[in-house]
PDB file of N, CA and C in Angstrom:
ATOM      1  N   MET A   1     220.852-148.015 288.232  1.00  0.00           N
ATOM      2  CA  MET A   1     221.837-148.696 288.608  1.00  0.00           C
ATOM      3  C   MET A   1     220.778-150.431 288.600  1.00  0.00           C
ATOM      4  N   ASN A   2     221.653-151.516 287.949  1.00  0.00           N
ATOM      5  CA  ASN A   2     220.767-152.383 287.738  1.00  0.00           C
ATOM      6  C   ASN A   2     220.379-153.240 289.373  1.00  0.00           C
ATOM      7  N   HIS A   3     219.338-153.826 289.468  1.00  0.00           N
ATOM      8  CA  HIS A   3     219.178-154.162 290.433  1.00  0.00           C
ATOM      9  C   HIS A   3     219.804-155.714 291.201  1.00  0.00           C
ATOM     10  N   ASP A   4     220.211-156.165 290.156  1.00  0.00           N
ATOM     11  CA  ASP A   4     220.909-157.629 289.892  1.00  0.00           C
ATOM     12  C   ASP A   4     222.177-157.271 290.566  1.00  0.00           C
ATOM     13  N   LEU A   5     222.702-156.299 290.826  1.00  0.00           N
ATOM     14  CA  LEU A   5     224.127-156.028 291.252  1.00  0.00           C
ATOM     15  C   LEU A   5     223.720-155.266 292.611  1.00  0.00           C
ATOM     16  N   ASN A   6     222.794-155.286 293.511  1.00  0.00           N
ATOM     17  CA  ASN A   6     222.722-154.932 294.553  1.00  0.00           C
ATOM     18  C   ASN A   6     223.595-155.920 295.503  1.00  0.00           C
ATOM     19  N   PRO A   7     224.500-155.800 296.239  1.00  0.00           N
ATOM     20  CA  PRO A   7     225.089-156.709 297.121  1.00  0.00           C
ATOM     21  C   PRO A   7     223.803-157.242 298.333  1.00  0.00           C
ATOM     22  N   LEU A   8     223.692-158.327 298.280  1.00  0.00           N
ATOM     23  CA  LEU A   8     223.021-159.374 299.171  1.00  0.00           C
ATOM     24  C   LEU A   8     223.505-159.717 300.605  1.00  0.00           C
ATOM     25  N   SER A   9     222.717-159.850 301.472  1.00  0.00           N
ATOM     26  CA  SER A   9     223.177-160.042 302.751  1.00  0.00           C
ATOM     27  C   SER A   9     223.866-161.541 302.632  1.00  0.00           C
ATOM     28  N   ASP A  10     224.587-161.699 303.656  1.00  0.00           N
ATOM     29  CA  ASP A  10     224.647-163.130 304.173  1.00  0.00           C
ATOM     30  C   ASP A  10     223.574-163.856 304.269  1.00  0.00           C
ATOM     31  N   PHE A  11     222.870-163.404 304.831  1.00  0.00           N
ATOM     32  CA  PHE A  11     221.502-164.492 304.937  1.00  0.00           C
ATOM     33  C   PHE A  11     221.030-164.694 304.033  1.00  0.00           C
ATOM     34  N   ALA A  12     220.741-163.841 302.941  1.00  0.00           N
ATOM     35  CA  ALA A  12     220.362-163.853 301.634  1.00  0.00           C
ATOM     36  C   ALA A  12     220.761-164.852 300.305  1.00  0.00           C
ATOM     37  N   VAL A  13     222.136-164.851 301.074  1.00  0.00           N
ATOM     38  CA  VAL A  13     222.975-165.714 300.087  1.00  0.00           C
ATOM     39  C   VAL A  13     222.913-166.779 300.660  1.00  0.00           C
ATOM     40  N   ILE A  14     222.891-167.317 301.985  1.00  0.00           N
ATOM     41  CA  ILE A  14     222.722-168.861 302.414  1.00  0.00           C
ATOM     42  C   ILE A  14     221.228-169.116 301.714  1.00  0.00           C
ATOM     43  N   GLU A  15     220.339-168.319 302.082  1.00  0.00           N
ATOM     44  CA  GLU A  15     219.103-168.908 301.632  1.00  0.00           C
ATOM     45  C   GLU A  15     218.726-169.128 300.289  1.00  0.00           C
ATOM     46  N   LYS A  16     219.386-168.435 299.312  1.00  0.00           N
ATOM     47  CA  LYS A  16     219.694-168.686 298.054  1.00  0.00           C
ATOM     48  C   LYS A  16     220.529-169.933 297.942  1.00  0.00           C
ATOM     49  N   LEU A  17     221.253-170.354 298.311  1.00  0.00           N
ATOM     50  CA  LEU A  17     222.011-171.609 298.150  1.00  0.00           C
ATOM     51  C   LEU A  17     221.560-172.608 298.391  1.00  0.00           C
ATOM     52  N   ALA A  18     220.333-172.801 299.422  1.00  0.00           N
ATOM     53  CA  ALA A  18     219.403-173.811 299.405  1.00  0.00           C
ATOM     54  C   ALA A  18     219.273-174.627 297.840  1.00  0.00           C
ATOM     55  N   ASP A  19     218.938-173.590 296.979  1.00  0.00           N
ATOM     56  CA  ASP A  19     218.463-173.907 295.389  1.00  0.00           C
ATOM     57  C   ASP A  19     219.843-174.310 294.514  1.00  0.00           C
ATOM     58  N   PHE A  20     220.869-174.341 295.161  1.00  0.00           N
ATOM     59  CA  PHE A  20     222.154-174.553 294.515  1.00  0.00           C
ATOM     60  C   PHE A  20     222.637-175.198 295.066  1.00  0.00           C
ATOM     61  N   PRO A  21     222.586-176.737 295.238  1.00  0.00           N
ATOM     62  CA  PRO A  21     223.217-177.948 295.596  1.00  0.00           C
ATOM     63  C   PRO A  21     224.634-178.304 295.390  1.00  0.00           C
ATOM     64  N   GLY A  22     225.672-178.178 296.350  1.00  0.00           N
ATOM     65  CA  GLY A  22     227.129-178.313 296.127  1.00  0.00           C
ATOM     66  C   GLY A  22     227.721-176.949 296.174  1.00  0.00           C
ATOM     67  N   TRP A  23     226.991-175.566 295.923  1.00  0.00           N
ATOM     68  CA  TRP A  23     227.669-174.298 296.195  1.00  0.00           C
ATOM     69  C   TRP A  23     228.257-173.854 297.807  1.00  0.00           C
ATOM     70  N   LYS A  24     229.027-173.394 297.721  1.00  0.00           N
ATOM     71  CA  LYS A  24     229.403-173.041 299.262  1.00  0.00           C
ATOM     72  C   LYS A  24     229.427-171.401 299.413  1.00  0.00           C
ATOM     73  N   TYR A  25     229.202-170.672 300.253  1.00  0.00           N
ATOM     74  CA  TYR A  25     229.889-169.226 300.219  1.00  0.00           C
ATOM     75  C   TYR A  25     230.767-168.935 301.349  1.00  0.00           C
ATOM     76  N   GLU A  26     231.946-168.798 301.342  1.00  0.00           N
ATOM     77  CA  GLU A  26     232.837-168.597 301.931  1.00  0.00           C
ATOM     78  C   GLU A  26     233.533-167.392 301.633  1.00  0.00           C
ATOM     79  N   ASN A  27     234.116-166.175 302.238  1.00  0.00           N
ATOM     80  CA  ASN A  27     234.955-165.111 301.958  1.00  0.00           C
ATOM     81  C   ASN A  27     234.235-164.443 300.846  1.00  0.00           C
ATOM     82  N   ASN A  28     233.140-164.100 300.643  1.00  0.00           N
ATOM     83  CA  ASN A  28     232.155-162.856 300.468  1.00  0.00           C
ATOM     84  C   ASN A  28     232.481-163.793 298.559  1.00  0.00           C
ATOM     85  N   LYS A  29     232.098-164.817 298.303  1.00  0.00           N
ATOM     86  CA  LYS A  29     231.968-165.511 297.234  1.00  0.00           C
ATOM     87  C   LYS A  29     231.161-166.805 297.008  1.00  0.00           C
ATOM     88  N   ILE A  30     230.547-167.146 296.210  1.00  0.00           N
ATOM     89  CA  ILE A  30     230.046-168.365 296.246  1.00  0.00           C
ATOM     90  C   ILE A  30     230.787-169.147 295.378  1.00  0.00           C
ATOM     91  N   SER A  31     231.000-170.718 295.344  1.00  0.00           N
ATOM     92  CA  SER A  31     231.671-171.388 294.741  1.00  0.00           C
ATOM     93  C   SER A  31     230.945-172.860 294.610  1.00  0.00           C
ATOM     94  N   LYS A  32     231.727-173.557 293.436  1.00  0.00           N
ATOM     95  CA  LYS A  32     231.627-174.744 293.449  1.00  0.00           C
ATOM     96  C   LYS A  32     232.920-175.610 292.404  1.00  0.00           C
ATOM     97  N   THR A  33     232.929-176.564 292.535  1.00  0.00           N
ATOM     98  CA  THR A  33     233.513-177.515 291.800  1.00  0.00           C
ATOM     99  C   THR A  33     233.531-178.818 291.512  1.00  0.00           C
ATOM    100  N   PHE A  34     233.146-178.844 289.583  1.00  0.00           N
ATOM    101  CA  PHE A  34     232.440-179.779 289.013  1.00  0.00           C
ATOM    102  C   PHE A  34     233.457-180.863 288.219  1.00  0.00           C
ATOM    103  N   GLU A  35     233.259-181.845 288.320  1.00  0.00           N
ATOM    104  CA  GLU A  35     234.219-182.978 287.345  1.00  0.00           C
ATOM    105  C   GLU A  35     233.342-183.226 286.309  1.00  0.00           C
ATOM    106  N   PHE A  36     234.481-183.428 285.540  1.00  0.00           N
ATOM    107  CA  PHE A  36     234.677-183.844 283.759  1.00  0.00           C
ATOM    108  C   PHE A  36     234.762-184.872 283.649  1.00  0.00           C
ATOM    109  N   LYS A  37     234.074-186.215 282.875  1.00  0.00           N
ATOM    110  CA  LYS A  37     235.117-186.987 282.314  1.00  0.00           C
ATOM    111  C   LYS A  37     236.424-187.359 281.154  1.00  0.00           C
ATOM    112  N   THR A  38     236.509-185.712 280.803  1.00  0.00           N
ATOM    113  CA  THR A  38     237.473-185.286 280.172  1.00  0.00           C
ATOM    114  C   THR A  38     238.397-183.904 280.299  1.00  0.00           C
ATOM    115  N   PHE A  39     238.996-183.782 280.115  1.00  0.00           N
ATOM    116  CA  PHE A  39     239.412-182.743 280.531  1.00  0.00           C
ATOM    117  C   PHE A  39     238.986-181.550 279.187  1.00  0.00           C
ATOM    118  N   ASP A  40     238.707-181.961 277.938  1.00  0.00           N
ATOM    119  CA  ASP A  40     238.357-181.166 276.877  1.00  0.00           C
ATOM    120  C   ASP A  40     236.689-180.651 277.028  1.00  0.00           C
ATOM    121  N   ASP A  41     235.955-181.955 278.005  1.00  0.00           N
ATOM    122  CA  ASP A  41     234.697-181.274 278.343  1.00  0.00           C
ATOM    123  C   ASP A  41     234.843-180.260 279.308  1.00  0.00           C
ATOM    124  N   GLY A  42     235.740-180.046 280.215  1.00  0.00           N
ATOM    125  CA  GLY A  42     235.763-178.995 280.768  1.00  0.00           C
ATOM    126  C   GLY A  42     235.968-177.583 280.128  1.00  0.00           C
ATOM    127  N   LEU A  43     236.760-177.851 279.280  1.00  0.00           N
ATOM    128  CA  LEU A  43     237.230-176.758 278.481  1.00  0.00           C
ATOM    129  C   LEU A  43     235.738-176.220 277.370  1.00  0.00           C
ATOM    130  N   SER A  44     235.327-176.993 277.215  1.00  0.00           N
ATOM    131  CA  SER A  44     234.058-177.094 276.388  1.00  0.00           C
ATOM    132  C   SER A  44     233.074-176.217 276.825  1.00  0.00           C
ATOM    133  N   LEU A  45     232.708-176.601 278.181  1.00  0.00           N
ATOM    134  CA  LEU A  45     231.599-175.623 279.079  1.00  0.00           C
ATOM    135  C   LEU A  45     232.058-174.464 279.493  1.00  0.00           C
ATOM    136  N   VAL A  46     233.238-174.327 279.442  1.00  0.00           N
ATOM    137  CA  VAL A  46     234.222-172.689 279.751  1.00  0.00           C
ATOM    138  C   VAL A  46     233.817-171.968 278.751  1.00  0.00           C
ATOM    139  N   ASN A  47     234.104-172.562 277.524  1.00  0.00           N
ATOM    140  CA  ASN A  47     234.131-172.210 276.137  1.00  0.00           C
ATOM    141  C   ASN A  47     232.358-171.659 276.068  1.00  0.00           C
ATOM    142  N   GLU A  48     231.502-172.693 276.284  1.00  0.00           N
ATOM    143  CA  GLU A  48     230.178-172.101 276.061  1.00  0.00           C
ATOM    144  C   GLU A  48     229.971-171.501 277.166  1.00  0.00           C
ATOM    145  N   LEU A  49     230.167-170.942 278.139  1.00  0.00           N
ATOM    146  CA  LEU A  49     229.877-170.282 279.070  1.00  0.00           C
ATOM    147  C   LEU A  49     230.348-168.553 279.004  1.00  0.00           C
ATOM    148  N   ALA A  50     231.299-168.824 278.365  1.00  0.00           N
ATOM    149  CA  ALA A  50     231.900-167.418 277.850  1.00  0.00           C
ATOM    150  C   ALA A  50     231.175-166.335 277.017  1.00  0.00           C
ATOM    151  N   PRO A  51     230.186-166.368 276.139  1.00  0.00           N
ATOM    152  CA  PRO A  51     229.478-165.958 275.652  1.00  0.00           C
ATOM    153  C   PRO A  51     228.086-165.185 276.575  1.00  0.00           C
ATOM    154  N   PHE A  52     228.037-165.987 277.176  1.00  0.00           N
ATOM    155  CA  PHE A  52     226.494-165.698 278.230  1.00  0.00           C
ATOM    156  C   PHE A  52     227.464-164.616 279.339  1.00  0.00           C
ATOM    157  N   CYS A  53     228.689-165.048 279.831  1.00  0.00           N
ATOM    158  CA  CYS A  53     229.503-164.200 280.925  1.00  0.00           C
ATOM    159  C   CYS A  53     229.402-162.519 280.106  1.00  0.00           C
ATOM    160  N   ASN A  54     230.052-162.663 279.222  1.00  0.00           N
ATOM    161  CA  ASN A  54     230.198-161.447 278.356  1.00  0.00           C
ATOM    162  C   ASN A  54     228.687-160.380 278.494  1.00  0.00           C
ATOM    163  N   LYS A  55     227.683-161.324 277.686  1.00  0.00           N
ATOM    164  CA  LYS A  55     226.465-160.430 277.431  1.00  0.00           C
ATOM    165  C   LYS A  55     226.208-159.985 278.730  1.00  0.00           C
ATOM    166  N   ILE A  56     226.157-160.301 279.924  1.00  0.00           N
ATOM    167  CA  ILE A  56     225.739-159.685 281.300  1.00  0.00           C
ATOM    168  C   ILE A  56     227.053-159.147 281.867  1.00  0.00           C
ATOM    169  N   ASP A  57     227.569-159.150 281.716  1.00  0.00           N
ATOM    170  CA  ASP A  57     229.162-158.517 282.243  1.00  0.00           C
ATOM    171  C   ASP A  57     229.505-158.885 283.393  1.00  0.00           C
ATOM    172  N   HIS A  58     229.736-160.313 283.505  1.00  0.00           N
ATOM    173  CA  HIS A  58     229.740-160.614 284.897  1.00  0.00           C
ATOM    174  C   HIS A  58     230.558-162.291 284.434  1.00  0.00           C
ATOM    175  N   HIS A  59     231.851-162.232 285.054  1.00  0.00           N
ATOM    176  CA  HIS A  59     232.608-163.277 285.115  1.00  0.00           C
ATOM    177  C   HIS A  59     233.013-163.915 286.083  1.00  0.00           C
ATOM    178  N   PRO A  60     233.002-165.454 286.329  1.00  0.00           N
ATOM    179  CA  PRO A  60     233.721-166.357 287.242  1.00  0.00           C
ATOM    180  C   PRO A  60     235.293-165.808 287.346  1.00  0.00           C
ATOM    181  N   ASP A  61     236.361-166.457 288.567  1.00  0.00           N
ATOM    182  CA  ASP A  61     236.965-167.002 288.419  1.00  0.00           C
ATOM    183  C   ASP A  61     236.834-168.247 288.224  1.00  0.00           C
ATOM    184  N   ILE A  62     238.109-168.564 287.755  1.00  0.00           N
ATOM    185  CA  ILE A  62     237.755-170.360 287.010  1.00  0.00           C
ATOM    186  C   ILE A  62     239.100-170.643 287.019  1.00  0.00           C
ATOM    187  N   LEU A  63     239.219-171.667 287.974  1.00  0.00           N
ATOM    188  CA  LEU A  63     240.417-172.523 288.279  1.00  0.00           C
ATOM    189  C   LEU A  63     240.379-173.927 287.587  1.00  0.00           C
ATOM    190  N   ILE A  64     241.127-174.038 286.835  1.00  0.00           N
ATOM    191  CA  ILE A  64     240.981-175.736 286.179  1.00  0.00           C
ATOM    192  C   ILE A  64     242.370-176.418 286.770  1.00  0.00           C
ATOM    193  N   ARG A  65     242.067-177.509 287.245  1.00  0.00           N
ATOM    194  CA  ARG A  65     242.642-178.887 287.790  1.00  0.00           C
ATOM    195  C   ARG A  65     242.299-180.231 286.850  1.00  0.00           C
ATOM    196  N   TYR A  66     242.802-179.949 285.904  1.00  0.00           N
ATOM    197  CA  TYR A  66     242.626-181.172 284.784  1.00  0.00           C
ATOM    198  C   TYR A  66     241.226-181.328 284.541  1.00  0.00           C
ATOM    199  N   LYS A  67     240.514-182.494 285.337  1.00  0.00           N
ATOM    200  CA  LYS A  67     239.221-182.847 284.544  1.00  0.00           C
ATOM    201  C   LYS A  67     238.221-182.455 285.847  1.00  0.00           C
ATOM    202  N   LYS A  68     238.978-181.008 286.880  1.00  0.00           N
ATOM    203  CA  LYS A  68     238.190-180.305 287.788  1.00  0.00           C
ATOM    204  C   LYS A  68     238.286-179.148 287.378  1.00  0.00           C
ATOM    205  N   ILE A  69     237.003-178.388 287.386  1.00  0.00           N
ATOM    206  CA  ILE A  69     236.892-177.095 287.250  1.00  0.00           C
ATOM    207  C   ILE A  69     236.266-176.103 288.201  1.00  0.00           C
ATOM    208  N   GLU A  70     236.898-175.681 289.041  1.00  0.00           N
ATOM    209  CA  GLU A  70     236.272-174.466 290.325  1.00  0.00           C
ATOM    210  C   GLU A  70     235.836-173.308 289.287  1.00  0.00           C
ATOM    211  N   PHE A  71     234.435-173.113 289.804  1.00  0.00           N
ATOM    212  CA  PHE A  71     233.903-171.621 289.606  1.00  0.00           C
ATOM    213  C   PHE A  71     233.626-170.729 290.909  1.00  0.00           C
ATOM    214  N   SER A  72     234.225-169.583 290.954  1.00  0.00           N
ATOM    215  CA  SER A  72     234.051-168.563 292.476  1.00  0.00           C
ATOM    216  C   SER A  72     233.352-167.230 291.703  1.00  0.00           C
ATOM    217  N   LEU A  73     232.135-167.198 292.123  1.00  0.00           N
ATOM    218  CA  LEU A  73     231.589-165.311 291.836  1.00  0.00           C
ATOM    219  C   LEU A  73     231.212-164.741 293.110  1.00  0.00           C
ATOM    220  N   THR A  74     231.751-163.608 292.688  1.00  0.00           N
ATOM    221  CA  THR A  74     231.459-162.197 293.478  1.00  0.00           C
ATOM    222  C   THR A  74     231.324-161.088 292.688  1.00  0.00           C
ATOM    223  N   ARG A  75     231.096-159.974 293.173  1.00  0.00           N
ATOM    224  CA  ARG A  75     230.994-158.779 291.972  1.00  0.00           C
ATOM    225  C   ARG A  75     231.919-157.528 292.979  1.00  0.00           C
ATOM    226  N   PHE A  76     233.190-157.634 291.948  1.00  0.00           N
ATOM    227  CA  PHE A  76     234.042-156.754 292.334  1.00  0.00           C
ATOM    228  C   PHE A  76     233.706-155.339 292.474  1.00  0.00           C
ATOM    229  N   SER A  77     232.846-154.859 291.805  1.00  0.00           N
ATOM    230  CA  SER A  77     232.226-153.497 291.534  1.00  0.00           C
ATOM    231  C   SER A  77     231.725-152.940 292.817  1.00  0.00           C
ATOM    232  N   VAL A  78     231.114-154.163 293.587  1.00  0.00           N
ATOM    233  CA  VAL A  78     230.508-153.717 294.911  1.00  0.00           C
ATOM    234  C   VAL A  78     231.038-154.022 296.217  1.00  0.00           C
ATOM    235  N   GLY A  79     232.283-154.223 295.641  1.00  0.00           N
ATOM    236  CA  GLY A  79     233.419-154.360 297.082  1.00  0.00           C
ATOM    237  C   GLY A  79     233.142-156.096 297.514  1.00  0.00           C
ATOM    238  N   PHE A  80     232.914-156.822 296.323  1.00  0.00           N
ATOM    239  CA  PHE A  80     233.432-158.219 296.319  1.00  0.00           C
ATOM    240  C   PHE A  80     232.406-158.717 297.268  1.00  0.00           C
ATOM    241  N   LYS A  81     231.172-158.337 297.030  1.00  0.00           N
ATOM    242  CA  LYS A  81     229.978-158.790 297.543  1.00  0.00           C
ATOM    243  C   LYS A  81     229.287-159.721 296.685  1.00  0.00           C
ATOM    244  N   VAL A  82     228.481-160.745 297.140  1.00  0.00           N
ATOM    245  CA  VAL A  82     227.895-161.462 295.963  1.00  0.00           C
ATOM    246  C   VAL A  82     226.293-161.000 295.775  1.00  0.00           C
ATOM    247  N   THR A  83     225.956-160.664 294.485  1.00  0.00           N
ATOM    248  CA  THR A  83     224.789-160.433 293.945  1.00  0.00           C
ATOM    249  C   THR A  83     223.824-161.307 293.258  1.00  0.00           C
ATOM    250  N   GLU A  84     222.588-161.024 292.950  1.00  0.00           N
ATOM    251  CA  GLU A  84     221.972-161.609 292.152  1.00  0.00           C
ATOM    252  C   GLU A  84     222.264-162.115 290.759  1.00  0.00           C
ATOM    253  N   ARG A  85     223.184-161.282 290.429  1.00  0.00           N
ATOM    254  CA  ARG A  85     223.971-161.924 289.027  1.00  0.00           C
ATOM    255  C   ARG A  85     224.840-162.550 289.235  1.00  0.00           C
ATOM    256  N   ASP A  86     225.463-163.058 290.123  1.00  0.00           N
ATOM    257  CA  ASP A  86     226.456-164.249 290.319  1.00  0.00           C
ATOM    258  C   ASP A  86     225.273-165.380 290.501  1.00  0.00           C
ATOM    259  N   PHE A  87     224.399-165.658 291.197  1.00  0.00           N
ATOM    260  CA  PHE A  87     223.295-166.646 291.184  1.00  0.00           C
ATOM    261  C   PHE A  87     222.616-167.175 289.267  1.00  0.00           C
ATOM    262  N   LYS A  88     222.856-165.922 288.808  1.00  0.00           N
ATOM    263  CA  LYS A  88     222.743-165.946 287.459  1.00  0.00           C
ATOM    264  C   LYS A  88     223.449-166.389 287.026  1.00  0.00           C
ATOM    265  N   VAL A  89     224.742-166.602 286.879  1.00  0.00           N
ATOM    266  CA  VAL A  89     225.966-167.112 286.236  1.00  0.00           C
ATOM    267  C   VAL A  89     226.005-168.846 286.606  1.00  0.00           C
ATOM    268  N   ALA A  90     225.782-168.690 288.369  1.00  0.00           N
ATOM    269  CA  ALA A  90     225.678-170.257 288.877  1.00  0.00           C
ATOM    270  C   ALA A  90     224.627-170.995 288.078  1.00  0.00           C
ATOM    271  N   GLN A  91     223.684-170.460 287.672  1.00  0.00           N
ATOM    272  CA  GLN A  91     222.366-171.085 287.088  1.00  0.00           C
ATOM    273  C   GLN A  91     223.069-171.615 285.876  1.00  0.00           C
ATOM    274  N   GLN A  92     223.466-170.892 285.220  1.00  0.00           N
ATOM    275  CA  GLN A  92     223.959-171.085 283.773  1.00  0.00           C
ATOM    276  C   GLN A  92     225.219-171.946 283.960  1.00  0.00           C
ATOM    277  N   ILE A  93     225.803-171.977 284.811  1.00  0.00           N
ATOM    278  CA  ILE A  93     226.931-172.843 284.864  1.00  0.00           C
ATOM    279  C   ILE A  93     226.157-174.220 284.876  1.00  0.00           C
ATOM    280  N   GLU A  94     225.394-174.370 286.168  1.00  0.00           N
ATOM    281  CA  GLU A  94     224.649-175.695 286.372  1.00  0.00           C
ATOM    282  C   GLU A  94     223.675-176.096 285.167  1.00  0.00           C
ATOM    283  N   GLU A  95     222.990-175.502 284.329  1.00  0.00           N
ATOM    284  CA  GLU A  95     222.572-175.778 283.244  1.00  0.00           C
ATOM    285  C   GLU A  95     223.658-176.264 282.021  1.00  0.00           C
ATOM    286  N   LEU A  96     224.564-175.640 281.860  1.00  0.00           N
ATOM    287  CA  LEU A  96     225.339-176.158 280.820  1.00  0.00           C
ATOM    288  C   LEU A  96     226.068-177.267 281.379  1.00  0.00           C
ATOM    289  N   TYR A  97     226.373-177.648 282.487  1.00  0.00           N
ATOM    290  CA  TYR A  97     226.957-178.857 283.280  1.00  0.00           C
ATOM    291  C   TYR A  97     226.081-180.193 283.067  1.00  0.00           C
ATOM    292  N   ARG A  98     224.792-179.955 282.696  1.00  0.00           N
ATOM    293  CA  ARG A  98     223.878-180.919 283.076  1.00  0.00           C
ATOM    294  C   ARG A  98     223.998-181.859 281.649  1.00  0.00           C
ATOM    295  N   LYS A  99     224.685-181.284 280.650  1.00  0.00           N
ATOM    296  CA  LYS A  99     224.958-182.103 279.443  1.00  0.00           C
ATOM    297  C   LYS A  99     226.152-182.907 279.609  1.00  0.00           C
ATOM    298  N   TYR A 100     227.185-182.535 280.422  1.00  0.00           N
ATOM    299  CA  TYR A 100     228.584-183.643 280.904  1.00  0.00           C
ATOM    300  C   TYR A 100     228.232-184.434 281.878  1.00  0.00           C
ATOM    301  N   LEU A 101     226.869-184.447 282.194  1.00  0.00           N
ATOM    302  CA  LEU A 101     226.967-185.909 283.166  1.00  0.00           C
ATOM    303  C   LEU A 101     226.629-187.063 282.545  1.00  0.00           C
TER     304      LEU A 101
END
C-alpha cells in the first residue's frame, strides 16, 4: 500500500494545516476557496491541475462559483479520511495559484 494513502489523525491534519494558510479542516476533508481575476483564470488553473491529479490518481472535488473556486480533498478509498496525498494535491494547487496573483 502507498504510505501517502494512510489516513491521518485529526491531530496530524490540524498540525499540517499550519503550513497551508487559508485551508480548513471539517467533515473529514481539507478545503480552500481561491479567488481569480477572471473566470477563465480559474478554469485555466483547473486544467493545469488535471494532469497532476491524474498522474497521482487523486482528484479534488471542485466547486466553481464564477471567479471563486473551492477545492475539497479527502480520500474516498480509505473511508473519506485525509491523507498525505491530499496535502500533495493542496500543495500543487497552491503552487499553480501563485501565478494568478
